[in-house]
Amino acid sequence: MHRPETKLEYIFTFSSFYKAMYARDKLMERGIGSEVRRVPTQLLRSCGQALYITGHDLQKVIAALTECQIDMKGIFHVEYVEGKPEYRRIQ
């Protein structure tokens, strides 16, 4: 059975909404698309907004944020199992 190719999806959490927006802007300057959206309730621990990134090289994104001295609270990989998202903390 052929499985459709899925894009990698990551969620980056931050300590504040402003850090999430700043991170989005800095990634945009580097040609990396991202979107600020609400943190899923399963992951909510601090700031209610997170940066969603789909289909980009994770190490490239982390390097860009580190270079800009942007601290992340966590990074989660999103996998869809039977159509429902599951979150796995990777950092």
PDB file of N, CA and C in Angstrom:
ATOM      1  N   MET A   1       0.844  -1.182   0.000  1.00  0.00           N
ATOM      2  CA  MET A   1       0.000   0.000   0.000  1.00  0.00           C
ATOM      3  C   MET A   1       0.885   1.240   0.000  1.00  0.00           C
ATOM      4  N   HIS A   2       0.617   2.158  -0.889  1.00  0.00           N
ATOM      5  CA  HIS A   2       1.397   3.390  -1.008  1.00  0.00           C
ATOM      6  C   HIS A   2       0.897   4.434  -0.017  1.00  0.00           C
ATOM      7  N   ARG A   3       1.823   4.949   0.794  1.00  0.00           N
ATOM      8  CA  ARG A   3       1.462   6.011   1.744  1.00  0.00           C
ATOM      9  C   ARG A   3       1.767   7.351   1.102  1.00  0.00           C
ATOM     10  N   PRO A   4       0.843   8.310   1.195  1.00  0.00           N
ATOM     11  CA  PRO A   4       1.134   9.626   0.641  1.00  0.00           C
ATOM     12  C   PRO A   4       2.270  10.269   1.422  1.00  0.00           C
ATOM     13  N   GLU A   5       3.116  11.012   0.705  1.00  0.00           N
ATOM     14  CA  GLU A   5       4.233  11.688   1.353  1.00  0.00           C
ATOM     15  C   GLU A   5       3.699  12.783   2.273  1.00  0.00           C
ATOM     16  N   THR A   6       4.201  12.822   3.483  1.00  0.00           N
ATOM     17  CA  THR A   6       3.767  13.852   4.420  1.00  0.00           C
ATOM     18  C   THR A   6       4.911  14.812   4.665  1.00  0.00           C
ATOM     19  N   LYS A   7       4.566  16.066   4.826  1.00  0.00           N
ATOM     20  CA  LYS A   7       5.570  17.078   5.124  1.00  0.00           C
ATOM     21  C   LYS A   7       5.859  17.061   6.612  1.00  0.00           C
ATOM     22  N   LEU A   8       7.096  17.333   6.937  1.00  0.00           N
ATOM     23  CA  LEU A   8       7.467  17.431   8.340  1.00  0.00           C
ATOM     24  C   LEU A   8       6.867  18.698   8.921  1.00  0.00           C
ATOM     25  N   GLU A   9       6.322  18.582  10.103  1.00  0.00           N
ATOM     26  CA  GLU A   9       5.710  19.731  10.765  1.00  0.00           C
ATOM     27  C   GLU A   9       6.258  19.826  12.182  1.00  0.00           C
ATOM     28  N   TYR A  10       6.655  21.045  12.565  1.00  0.00           N
ATOM     29  CA  TYR A  10       7.217  21.287  13.884  1.00  0.00           C
ATOM     30  C   TYR A  10       6.516  22.463  14.540  1.00  0.00           C
ATOM     31  N   ILE A  11       6.490  22.415  15.869  1.00  0.00           N
ATOM     32  CA  ILE A  11       5.959  23.518  16.665  1.00  0.00           C
ATOM     33  C   ILE A  11       7.076  23.984  17.585  1.00  0.00           C
ATOM     34  N   PHE A  12       7.361  25.278  17.543  1.00  0.00           N
ATOM     35  CA  PHE A  12       8.360  25.891  18.415  1.00  0.00           C
ATOM     36  C   PHE A  12       7.616  26.738  19.436  1.00  0.00           C
ATOM     37  N   THR A  13       7.862  26.490  20.721  1.00  0.00           N
ATOM     38  CA  THR A  13       7.207  27.275  21.765  1.00  0.00           C
ATOM     39  C   THR A  13       8.208  28.255  22.372  1.00  0.00           C
ATOM     40  N   PHE A  14       7.665  29.378  22.846  1.00  0.00           N
ATOM     41  CA  PHE A  14       8.479  30.464  23.394  1.00  0.00           C
ATOM     42  C   PHE A  14       7.868  30.950  24.699  1.00  0.00           C
ATOM     43  N   SER A  15       8.613  31.795  25.398  1.00  0.00           N
ATOM     44  CA  SER A  15       8.139  32.301  26.690  1.00  0.00           C
ATOM     45  C   SER A  15       7.135  33.433  26.539  1.00  0.00           C
ATOM     46  N   SER A  16       7.049  34.019  25.334  1.00  0.00           N
ATOM     47  CA  SER A  16       6.097  35.118  25.147  1.00  0.00           C
ATOM     48  C   SER A  16       5.650  35.201  23.691  1.00  0.00           C
ATOM     49  N   PHE A  17       4.531  35.852  23.502  1.00  0.00           N
ATOM     50  CA  PHE A  17       4.002  36.107  22.165  1.00  0.00           C
ATOM     51  C   PHE A  17       5.009  36.914  21.346  1.00  0.00           C
ATOM     52  N   TYR A  18       5.663  37.881  21.994  1.00  0.00           N
ATOM     53  CA  TYR A  18       6.600  38.760  21.293  1.00  0.00           C
ATOM     54  C   TYR A  18       7.818  37.995  20.787  1.00  0.00           C
ATOM     55  N   LYS A  19       8.285  37.014  21.554  1.00  0.00           N
ATOM     56  CA  LYS A  19       9.408  36.195  21.081  1.00  0.00           C
ATOM     57  C   LYS A  19       8.990  35.355  19.880  1.00  0.00           C
ATOM     58  N   ALA A  20       7.782  34.838  19.896  1.00  0.00           N
ATOM     59  CA  ALA A  20       7.287  34.052  18.763  1.00  0.00           C
ATOM     60  C   ALA A  20       7.210  34.922  17.507  1.00  0.00           C
ATOM     61  N   MET A  21       6.730  36.149  17.653  1.00  0.00           N
ATOM     62  CA  MET A  21       6.629  37.062  16.508  1.00  0.00           C
ATOM     63  C   MET A  21       8.019  37.463  16.002  1.00  0.00           C
ATOM     64  N   TYR A  22       8.936  37.725  16.927  1.00  0.00           N
ATOM     65  CA  TYR A  22      10.305  38.091  16.561  1.00  0.00           C
ATOM     66  C   TYR A  22      10.969  36.930  15.813  1.00  0.00           C
ATOM     67  N   ALA A  23      10.775  35.721  16.310  1.00  0.00           N
ATOM     68  CA  ALA A  23      11.333  34.539  15.651  1.00  0.00           C
ATOM     69  C   ALA A  23      10.769  34.402  14.240  1.00  0.00           C
ATOM     70  N   ARG A  24       9.469  34.604  14.093  1.00  0.00           N
ATOM     71  CA  ARG A  24       8.847  34.528  12.766  1.00  0.00           C
ATOM     72  C   ARG A  24       9.480  35.540  11.814  1.00  0.00           C
ATOM     73  N   ASP A  25       9.658  36.774  12.301  1.00  0.00           N
ATOM     74  CA  ASP A  25      10.244  37.824  11.464  1.00  0.00           C
ATOM     75  C   ASP A  25      11.677  37.491  11.052  1.00  0.00           C
ATOM     76  N   LYS A  26      12.467  36.979  11.986  1.00  0.00           N
ATOM     77  CA  LYS A  26      13.863  36.643  11.684  1.00  0.00           C
ATOM     78  C   LYS A  26      13.949  35.476  10.696  1.00  0.00           C
ATOM     79  N   LEU A  27      13.070  34.503  10.840  1.00  0.00           N
ATOM     80  CA  LEU A  27      13.058  33.395   9.884  1.00  0.00           C
ATOM     81  C   LEU A  27      12.614  33.877   8.505  1.00  0.00           C
ATOM     82  N   MET A  28      11.655  34.787   8.478  1.00  0.00           N
ATOM     83  CA  MET A  28      11.174  35.335   7.209  1.00  0.00           C
ATOM     84  C   MET A  28      12.318  36.035   6.467  1.00  0.00           C
ATOM     85  N   GLU A  29      13.167  36.756   7.212  1.00  0.00           N
ATOM     86  CA  GLU A  29      14.326  37.428   6.610  1.00  0.00           C
ATOM     87  C   GLU A  29      15.260  36.425   5.937  1.00  0.00           C
ATOM     88  N   ARG A  30      15.254  35.186   6.409  1.00  0.00           N
ATOM     89  CA  ARG A  30      16.124  34.138   5.873  1.00  0.00           C
ATOM     90  C   ARG A  30      15.399  33.241   4.865  1.00  0.00           C
ATOM     91  N   GLY A  31      14.202  33.637   4.490  1.00  0.00           N
ATOM     92  CA  GLY A  31      13.452  32.876   3.495  1.00  0.00           C
ATOM     93  C   GLY A  31      12.788  31.621   4.028  1.00  0.00           C
ATOM     94  N   ILE A  32      12.611  31.556   5.350  1.00  0.00           N
ATOM     95  CA  ILE A  32      11.972  30.395   5.967  1.00  0.00           C
ATOM     96  C   ILE A  32      10.562  30.792   6.390  1.00  0.00           C
ATOM     97  N   GLY A  33       9.577  30.177   5.781  1.00  0.00           N
ATOM     98  CA  GLY A  33       8.191  30.492   6.095  1.00  0.00           C
ATOM     99  C   GLY A  33       7.751  29.836   7.394  1.00  0.00           C
ATOM    100  N   SER A  34       6.955  30.559   8.150  1.00  0.00           N
ATOM    101  CA  SER A  34       6.407  30.025   9.399  1.00  0.00           C
ATOM    102  C   SER A  34       5.116  30.762   9.705  1.00  0.00           C
ATOM    103  N   GLU A  35       4.406  30.267  10.691  1.00  0.00           N
ATOM    104  CA  GLU A  35       3.118  30.856  11.045  1.00  0.00           C
ATOM    105  C   GLU A  35       2.974  30.852  12.563  1.00  0.00           C
ATOM    106  N   VAL A  36       2.519  31.979  13.122  1.00  0.00           N
ATOM    107  CA  VAL A  36       2.254  32.055  14.558  1.00  0.00           C
ATOM    108  C   VAL A  36       0.798  31.670  14.779  1.00  0.00           C
ATOM    109  N   ARG A  37       0.603  30.632  15.607  1.00  0.00           N
ATOM    110  CA  ARG A  37      -0.753  30.163  15.924  1.00  0.00           C
ATOM    111  C   ARG A  37      -0.803  29.758  17.391  1.00  0.00           C
ATOM    112  N   ARG A  38      -2.002  29.452  17.838  1.00  0.00           N
ATOM    113  CA  ARG A  38      -2.179  29.017  19.231  1.00  0.00           C
ATOM    114  C   ARG A  38      -1.466  27.689  19.481  1.00  0.00           C
ATOM    115  N   VAL A  39      -0.948  27.567  20.691  1.00  0.00           N
ATOM    116  CA  VAL A  39      -0.320  26.312  21.110  1.00  0.00           C
ATOM    117  C   VAL A  39      -1.433  25.296  21.376  1.00  0.00           C
ATOM    118  N   PRO A  40      -1.291  24.059  20.905  1.00  0.00           N
ATOM    119  CA  PRO A  40      -2.291  23.036  21.241  1.00  0.00           C
ATOM    120  C   PRO A  40      -2.405  22.889  22.760  1.00  0.00           C
ATOM    121  N   THR A  41      -3.602  22.651  23.240  1.00  0.00           N
ATOM    122  CA  THR A  41      -3.823  22.587  24.689  1.00  0.00           C
ATOM    123  C   THR A  41      -2.961  21.518  25.358  1.00  0.00           C
ATOM    124  N   GLN A  42      -2.609  20.455  24.648  1.00  0.00           N
ATOM    125  CA  GLN A  42      -1.762  19.408  25.228  1.00  0.00           C
ATOM    126  C   GLN A  42      -0.362  19.919  25.548  1.00  0.00           C
ATOM    127  N   LEU A  43       0.069  20.995  24.881  1.00  0.00           N
ATOM    128  CA  LEU A  43       1.427  21.513  25.049  1.00  0.00           C
ATOM    129  C   LEU A  43       1.475  22.807  25.844  1.00  0.00           C
ATOM    130  N   LEU A  44       0.333  23.385  26.137  1.00  0.00           N
ATOM    131  CA  LEU A  44       0.281  24.714  26.751  1.00  0.00           C
ATOM    132  C   LEU A  44       0.875  24.696  28.153  1.00  0.00           C
ATOM    133  N   ARG A  45       1.965  25.437  28.323  1.00  0.00           N
ATOM    134  CA  ARG A  45       2.600  25.555  29.634  1.00  0.00           C
ATOM    135  C   ARG A  45       2.920  27.008  29.958  1.00  0.00           C
ATOM    136  N   SER A  46       3.110  27.826  28.953  1.00  0.00           N
ATOM    137  CA  SER A  46       3.437  29.234  29.204  1.00  0.00           C
ATOM    138  C   SER A  46       2.704  30.098  28.191  1.00  0.00           C
ATOM    139  N   CYS A  47       3.437  30.666  27.271  1.00  0.00           N
ATOM    140  CA  CYS A  47       2.864  31.528  26.238  1.00  0.00           C
ATOM    141  C   CYS A  47       1.845  30.732  25.421  1.00  0.00           C
ATOM    142  N   GLY A  48       0.747  31.360  25.052  1.00  0.00           N
ATOM    143  CA  GLY A  48      -0.306  30.686  24.311  1.00  0.00           C
ATOM    144  C   GLY A  48      -0.110  30.659  22.811  1.00  0.00           C
ATOM    145  N   GLN A  49       1.014  31.208  22.320  1.00  0.00           N
ATOM    146  CA  GLN A  49       1.273  31.242  20.887  1.00  0.00           C
ATOM    147  C   GLN A  49       2.557  30.482  20.579  1.00  0.00           C
ATOM    148  N   ALA A  50       2.586  29.861  19.417  1.00  0.00           N
ATOM    149  CA  ALA A  50       3.764  29.097  19.001  1.00  0.00           C
ATOM    150  C   ALA A  50       4.036  29.357  17.530  1.00  0.00           C
ATOM    151  N   LEU A  51       5.208  28.965  17.106  1.00  0.00           N
ATOM    152  CA  LEU A  51       5.611  29.104  15.720  1.00  0.00           C
ATOM    153  C   LEU A  51       5.485  27.731  15.062  1.00  0.00           C
ATOM    154  N   TYR A  52       4.720  27.658  13.990  1.00  0.00           N
ATOM    155  CA  TYR A  52       4.520  26.412  13.247  1.00  0.00           C
ATOM    156  C   TYR A  52       5.358  26.478  11.976  1.00  0.00           C
ATOM    157  N   ILE A  53       6.139  25.432  11.753  1.00  0.00           N
ATOM    158  CA  ILE A  53       7.002  25.376  10.582  1.00  0.00           C
ATOM    159  C   ILE A  53       6.762  24.041   9.896  1.00  0.00           C
ATOM    160  N   THR A  54       6.559  24.085   8.588  1.00  0.00           N
ATOM    161  CA  THR A  54       6.274  22.872   7.824  1.00  0.00           C
ATOM    162  C   THR A  54       7.262  22.734   6.674  1.00  0.00           C
ATOM    163  N   GLY A  55       7.852  21.555   6.569  1.00  0.00           N
ATOM    164  CA  GLY A  55       8.648  21.213   5.400  1.00  0.00           C
ATOM    165  C   GLY A  55      10.040  21.802   5.318  1.00  0.00           C
ATOM    166  N   HIS A  56      10.542  22.417   6.367  1.00  0.00           N
ATOM    167  CA  HIS A  56      11.893  22.980   6.330  1.00  0.00           C
ATOM    168  C   HIS A  56      12.853  22.103   7.115  1.00  0.00           C
ATOM    169  N   ASP A  57      14.129  22.238   6.802  1.00  0.00           N
ATOM    170  CA  ASP A  57      15.171  21.517   7.514  1.00  0.00           C
ATOM    171  C   ASP A  57      15.240  22.017   8.955  1.00  0.00           C
ATOM    172  N   LEU A  58      14.962  21.137   9.888  1.00  0.00           N
ATOM    173  CA  LEU A  58      14.901  21.497  11.300  1.00  0.00           C
ATOM    174  C   LEU A  58      16.206  22.124  11.780  1.00  0.00           C
ATOM    175  N   GLN A  59      17.338  21.551  11.403  1.00  0.00           N
ATOM    176  CA  GLN A  59      18.628  22.075  11.869  1.00  0.00           C
ATOM    177  C   GLN A  59      18.883  23.485  11.340  1.00  0.00           C
ATOM    178  N   LYS A  60      18.431  23.766  10.135  1.00  0.00           N
ATOM    179  CA  LYS A  60      18.577  25.108   9.563  1.00  0.00           C
ATOM    180  C   LYS A  60      17.761  26.118  10.368  1.00  0.00           C
ATOM    181  N   VAL A  61      16.559  25.744  10.764  1.00  0.00           N
ATOM    182  CA  VAL A  61      15.692  26.628  11.550  1.00  0.00           C
ATOM    183  C   VAL A  61      16.300  26.868  12.927  1.00  0.00           C
ATOM    184  N   ILE A  62      16.750  25.806  13.581  1.00  0.00           N
ATOM    185  CA  ILE A  62      17.360  25.944  14.907  1.00  0.00           C
ATOM    186  C   ILE A  62      18.601  26.821  14.827  1.00  0.00           C
ATOM    187  N   ALA A  63      19.433  26.619  13.811  1.00  0.00           N
ATOM    188  CA  ALA A  63      20.647  27.423  13.649  1.00  0.00           C
ATOM    189  C   ALA A  63      20.307  28.898  13.464  1.00  0.00           C
ATOM    190  N   ALA A  64      19.282  29.195  12.676  1.00  0.00           N
ATOM    191  CA  ALA A  64      18.883  30.588  12.445  1.00  0.00           C
ATOM    192  C   ALA A  64      18.398  31.235  13.736  1.00  0.00           C
ATOM    193  N   LEU A  65      17.594  30.525  14.512  1.00  0.00           N
ATOM    194  CA  LEU A  65      17.087  31.083  15.769  1.00  0.00           C
ATOM    195  C   LEU A  65      18.212  31.254  16.788  1.00  0.00           C
ATOM    196  N   THR A  66      19.135  30.308  16.827  1.00  0.00           N
ATOM    197  CA  THR A  66      20.277  30.401  17.741  1.00  0.00           C
ATOM    198  C   THR A  66      21.163  31.579  17.367  1.00  0.00           C
ATOM    199  N   GLU A  67      21.400  31.755  16.072  1.00  0.00           N
ATOM    200  CA  GLU A  67      22.214  32.872  15.586  1.00  0.00           C
ATOM    201  C   GLU A  67      21.605  34.215  15.989  1.00  0.00           C
ATOM    202  N   CYS A  68      20.285  34.281  16.019  1.00  0.00           N
ATOM    203  CA  CYS A  68      19.577  35.512  16.404  1.00  0.00           C
ATOM    204  C   CYS A  68      19.381  35.599  17.923  1.00  0.00           C
ATOM    205  N   GLN A  69      19.933  34.643  18.656  1.00  0.00           N
ATOM    206  CA  GLN A  69      19.844  34.593  20.118  1.00  0.00           C
ATOM    207  C   GLN A  69      18.398  34.558  20.612  1.00  0.00           C
ATOM    208  N   ILE A  70      17.590  33.749  19.938  1.00  0.00           N
ATOM    209  CA  ILE A  70      16.188  33.582  20.319  1.00  0.00           C
ATOM    210  C   ILE A  70      16.060  32.253  21.059  1.00  0.00           C
ATOM    211  N   ASP A  71      15.709  32.324  22.332  1.00  0.00           N
ATOM    212  CA  ASP A  71      15.553  31.122  23.150  1.00  0.00           C
ATOM    213  C   ASP A  71      14.183  30.499  22.919  1.00  0.00           C
ATOM    214  N   MET A  72      14.182  29.189  22.765  1.00  0.00           N
ATOM    215  CA  MET A  72      12.937  28.446  22.594  1.00  0.00           C
ATOM    216  C   MET A  72      12.638  27.685  23.875  1.00  0.00           C
ATOM    217  N   LYS A  73      11.367  27.566  24.210  1.00  0.00           N
ATOM    218  CA  LYS A  73      10.966  26.759  25.365  1.00  0.00           C
ATOM    219  C   LYS A  73      10.949  25.278  24.997  1.00  0.00           C
ATOM    220  N   GLY A  74      10.540  24.987  23.762  1.00  0.00           N
ATOM    221  CA  GLY A  74      10.481  23.598  23.334  1.00  0.00           C
ATOM    222  C   GLY A  74      10.261  23.484  21.839  1.00  0.00           C
ATOM    223  N   ILE A  75      10.614  22.323  21.310  1.00  0.00           N
ATOM    224  CA  ILE A  75      10.374  22.015  19.901  1.00  0.00           C
ATOM    225  C   ILE A  75       9.655  20.672  19.867  1.00  0.00           C
ATOM    226  N   PHE A  76       8.573  20.620  19.114  1.00  0.00           N
ATOM    227  CA  PHE A  76       7.759  19.414  19.032  1.00  0.00           C
ATOM    228  C   PHE A  76       7.583  19.007  17.577  1.00  0.00           C
ATOM    229  N   HIS A  77       7.672  17.704  17.333  1.00  0.00           N
ATOM    230  CA  HIS A  77       7.378  17.158  16.011  1.00  0.00           C
ATOM    231  C   HIS A  77       5.909  16.755  16.018  1.00  0.00           C
ATOM    232  N   VAL A  78       5.193  17.112  14.971  1.00  0.00           N
ATOM    233  CA  VAL A  78       3.774  16.779  14.867  1.00  0.00           C
ATOM    234  C   VAL A  78       3.624  15.614  13.898  1.00  0.00           C
ATOM    235  N   GLU A  79       2.965  14.565  14.358  1.00  0.00           N
ATOM    236  CA  GLU A  79       2.644  13.422  13.507  1.00  0.00           C
ATOM    237  C   GLU A  79       1.147  13.210  13.554  1.00  0.00           C
ATOM    238  N   TYR A  80       0.585  12.857  12.429  1.00  0.00           N
ATOM    239  CA  TYR A  80      -0.857  12.609  12.370  1.00  0.00           C
ATOM    240  C   TYR A  80      -1.105  11.106  12.336  1.00  0.00           C
ATOM    241  N   VAL A  81      -1.824  10.628  13.339  1.00  0.00           N
ATOM    242  CA  VAL A  81      -2.172   9.216  13.443  1.00  0.00           C
ATOM    243  C   VAL A  81      -3.684   9.118  13.325  1.00  0.00           C
ATOM    244  N   GLU A  82      -4.129   8.449  12.279  1.00  0.00           N
ATOM    245  CA  GLU A  82      -5.560   8.338  11.983  1.00  0.00           C
ATOM    246  C   GLU A  82      -6.225   9.712  11.948  1.00  0.00           C
ATOM    247  N   GLY A  83      -5.508  10.683  11.380  1.00  0.00           N
ATOM    248  CA  GLY A  83      -6.053  12.028  11.209  1.00  0.00           C
ATOM    249  C   GLY A  83      -5.954  12.934  12.416  1.00  0.00           C
ATOM    250  N   LYS A  84      -5.445  12.418  13.534  1.00  0.00           N
ATOM    251  CA  LYS A  84      -5.342  13.230  14.749  1.00  0.00           C
ATOM    252  C   LYS A  84      -3.876  13.536  15.040  1.00  0.00           C
ATOM    253  N   PRO A  85      -3.590  14.793  15.431  1.00  0.00           N
ATOM    254  CA  PRO A  85      -2.189  15.144  15.702  1.00  0.00           C
ATOM    255  C   PRO A  85      -1.681  14.547  17.012  1.00  0.00           C
ATOM    256  N   GLU A  86      -0.441  14.076  16.963  1.00  0.00           N
ATOM    257  CA  GLU A  86       0.268  13.630  18.158  1.00  0.00           C
ATOM    258  C   GLU A  86       1.567  14.419  18.208  1.00  0.00           C
ATOM    259  N   TYR A  87       1.957  14.824  19.410  1.00  0.00           N
ATOM    260  CA  TYR A  87       3.105  15.704  19.578  1.00  0.00           C
ATOM    261  C   TYR A  87       4.218  14.971  20.315  1.00  0.00           C
ATOM    262  N   ARG A  88       5.422  15.049  19.753  1.00  0.00           N
ATOM    263  CA  ARG A  88       6.582  14.420  20.380  1.00  0.00           C
ATOM    264  C   ARG A  88       7.646  15.489  20.597  1.00  0.00           C
ATOM    265  N   ARG A  89       7.999  15.711  21.859  1.00  0.00           N
ATOM    266  CA  ARG A  89       9.007  16.718  22.179  1.00  0.00           C
ATOM    267  C   ARG A  89      10.363  16.224  21.687  1.00  0.00           C
ATOM    268  N   ILE A  90      11.057  17.081  20.939  1.00  0.00           N
ATOM    269  CA  ILE A  90      12.381  16.709  20.452  1.00  0.00           C
ATOM    270  C   ILE A  90      13.473  17.598  21.031  1.00  0.00           C
ATOM    271  N   GLN A  91      13.080  18.666  21.686  1.00  0.00           N
ATOM    272  CA  GLN A  91      14.060  19.522  22.363  1.00  0.00           C
ATOM    273  C   GLN A  91      13.360  20.365  23.383  1.00  0.00           C
TER     274      GLN A  91
END
